[in-house]
């Protein structure tokens, strides 16, 4: 699933959650996605109503949280932590987790940094900056 479109990424999350709920076989990545969705019950209704939500836009300036973006960032961070890429992210995550005393809160701190780096790259038309990412993580407590 390299470089999926918005709809492909959304359909992947919807299908992973559907398979999980139905007890159907799923791929390793689908199981990871379903586990992440399970940790976010506030997003279940969105994923369980794809006809209504597949094309929906969320407005962050109004305080909306895009559940598809949030879960996609979780997936990206899970992959980054599993391979320690960028190098040092695992150590920073472990430090943040110890400081916060909560795994999910630590993951959300990492997600915020990843979102900042992605936004910055999109804004400037540059690749994501690993140095900026690690610097943001170093500021997390």
Protein backbone atom coordinates (compact mmCIF):
# COMPACT_ATOMS: atom_id res chain seq x y z
CA UNK A 1 0.00 0.00 0.00
CA UNK A 2 2.66 2.46 -1.07
CA UNK A 3 1.50 6.08 -1.42
CA UNK A 4 -2.25 5.42 -1.27
CA UNK A 5 -4.78 8.04 -2.26
CA UNK A 6 -6.99 9.58 0.40
CA UNK A 7 -9.84 7.24 -0.53
CA UNK A 8 -7.60 4.14 -0.57
CA UNK A 9 -6.23 4.97 2.88
CA UNK A 10 -9.73 5.56 4.23
CA UNK A 11 -11.09 2.37 2.65
CA UNK A 12 -8.17 0.42 4.13
CA UNK A 13 -9.02 1.58 7.67
CA UNK A 14 -12.73 0.96 7.17
CA UNK A 15 -12.11 -2.53 5.80
CA UNK A 16 -9.58 -3.43 8.51
CA UNK A 17 -12.12 -2.45 11.18
CA UNK A 18 -14.94 -4.27 9.40
CA UNK A 19 -12.88 -7.49 9.18
CA UNK A 20 -11.93 -7.19 12.83
CA UNK A 21 -15.55 -6.77 13.92
CA UNK A 22 -16.68 -9.66 11.69
CA UNK A 23 -13.88 -11.95 12.92
CA UNK A 24 -12.61 -12.38 9.36
CA UNK A 25 -8.98 -13.14 8.48
CA UNK A 26 -6.86 -10.06 7.93
CA UNK A 27 -3.31 -9.12 7.00
CA UNK A 28 -0.72 -8.09 9.56
CA UNK A 29 -1.14 -4.42 8.69
CA UNK A 30 -4.92 -4.74 8.91
CA UNK A 31 -4.56 -6.25 12.40
CA UNK A 32 -2.34 -3.35 13.48
CA UNK A 33 -4.87 -0.88 12.06
CA UNK A 34 -7.78 -2.63 13.79
CA UNK A 35 -5.90 -2.60 17.11
CA UNK A 36 -5.36 1.15 16.71
CA UNK A 37 -9.03 1.69 15.88
CA UNK A 38 -9.99 -0.36 18.95
CA UNK A 39 -8.03 2.11 21.08
CA UNK A 40 -10.12 4.97 19.66
CA UNK A 41 -13.80 4.23 20.34
CA UNK A 42 -14.58 7.87 19.54
CA UNK A 43 -13.88 7.03 15.87
CA UNK A 44 -15.82 3.76 15.60
CA UNK A 45 -19.07 5.34 14.36
CA UNK A 46 -17.21 7.09 11.52
CA UNK A 47 -15.58 3.87 10.32
CA UNK A 48 -18.80 1.92 10.69
CA UNK A 49 -20.69 4.31 8.39
CA UNK A 50 -18.47 4.56 5.28
CA UNK A 51 -21.24 5.77 2.96
CA UNK A 52 -21.64 8.88 5.08
CA UNK A 53 -17.98 9.47 5.98
CA UNK A 54 -15.76 8.31 3.12
CA UNK A 55 -15.88 11.68 1.34
CA UNK A 56 -16.38 13.81 4.43
CA UNK A 57 -14.02 16.68 5.16
CA UNK A 58 -13.10 17.72 8.68
CA UNK A 59 -12.27 21.33 9.53
CA UNK A 60 -9.38 21.56 12.02
CA UNK A 61 -9.89 25.32 12.29
CA UNK A 62 -13.31 24.49 13.79
CA UNK A 63 -11.74 22.00 16.18
CA UNK A 64 -12.63 18.93 14.10
CA UNK A 65 -10.38 15.88 14.35
CA UNK A 66 -10.13 13.88 11.14
CA UNK A 67 -10.30 10.27 12.39
CA UNK A 68 -8.77 8.91 9.17
CA UNK A 69 -5.78 11.25 9.44
CA UNK A 70 -5.39 10.51 13.15
CA UNK A 71 -5.42 6.75 12.62
CA UNK A 72 -3.12 7.01 9.60
CA UNK A 73 -0.61 8.95 11.69
CA UNK A 74 -0.86 6.22 14.33
CA UNK A 75 -0.07 3.62 11.65
CA UNK A 76 2.91 5.64 10.42
CA UNK A 77 4.28 6.00 13.94
CA UNK A 78 3.80 2.28 14.66
CA UNK A 79 5.89 1.49 11.57
CA UNK A 80 8.53 4.08 12.45
CA UNK A 81 8.87 2.71 15.97
CA UNK A 82 9.09 -0.89 14.74
CA UNK A 83 12.11 -0.08 12.55
CA UNK A 84 13.51 2.88 14.54
CA UNK A 85 13.22 5.18 11.54
CA UNK A 86 14.23 7.92 11.69
CA UNK A 87 17.05 6.58 13.84
CA UNK A 88 16.48 7.60 17.43
CA UNK A 89 12.68 7.79 17.33
CA UNK A 90 12.35 4.66 19.46
CA UNK A 91 14.59 6.07 22.19
CA UNK A 92 12.69 9.39 22.14
CA UNK A 93 9.36 7.58 22.30
CA UNK A 94 10.57 5.45 25.25
CA UNK A 95 11.72 8.61 27.05
CA UNK A 96 8.38 10.35 26.43
CA UNK A 97 6.47 7.25 27.56
CA UNK A 98 8.43 7.13 30.82
CA UNK A 99 7.89 10.87 31.37
CA UNK A 100 4.15 10.68 30.72
CA UNK A 101 3.65 7.30 32.37
CA UNK A 102 1.16 6.40 29.66
CA UNK A 103 1.80 4.68 26.33
CA UNK A 104 -1.14 6.20 24.47
CA UNK A 105 -0.35 9.73 25.66
CA UNK A 106 3.23 9.25 24.52
CA UNK A 107 2.04 8.05 21.10
CA UNK A 108 -0.13 11.13 20.78
CA UNK A 109 2.88 13.35 21.57
CA UNK A 110 4.78 11.63 18.74
CA UNK A 111 1.77 12.02 16.43
CA UNK A 112 1.70 15.75 17.10
CA UNK A 113 5.35 16.02 16.07
CA UNK A 114 4.81 13.92 12.96
CA UNK A 115 1.80 16.05 11.98
CA UNK A 116 3.89 19.20 12.43
CA UNK A 117 6.67 17.81 10.24
CA UNK A 118 4.25 16.70 7.53
CA UNK A 119 2.47 20.06 7.59
CA UNK A 120 5.81 21.88 7.36
CA UNK A 121 6.92 19.71 4.42
CA UNK A 122 3.64 20.30 2.59
CA UNK A 123 3.78 24.02 3.25
CA UNK A 124 7.31 24.35 1.88
CA UNK A 125 7.12 21.65 -0.79
CA UNK A 126 10.02 19.74 0.74
CA UNK A 127 10.50 16.18 1.99
CA UNK A 128 9.74 15.61 5.69
CA UNK A 129 12.69 16.71 7.82
CA UNK A 130 13.88 13.97 10.20
CA UNK A 131 15.96 16.48 12.15
CA UNK A 132 12.92 18.67 12.75
CA UNK A 133 10.94 15.59 13.79
CA UNK A 134 13.55 14.46 16.32
CA UNK A 135 13.95 18.02 17.63
CA UNK A 136 10.20 18.23 18.21
CA UNK A 137 10.27 14.88 20.01
CA UNK A 138 13.16 16.08 22.20
CA UNK A 139 10.95 18.97 23.40
CA UNK A 140 8.16 16.60 24.49
CA UNK A 141 7.84 15.81 28.17
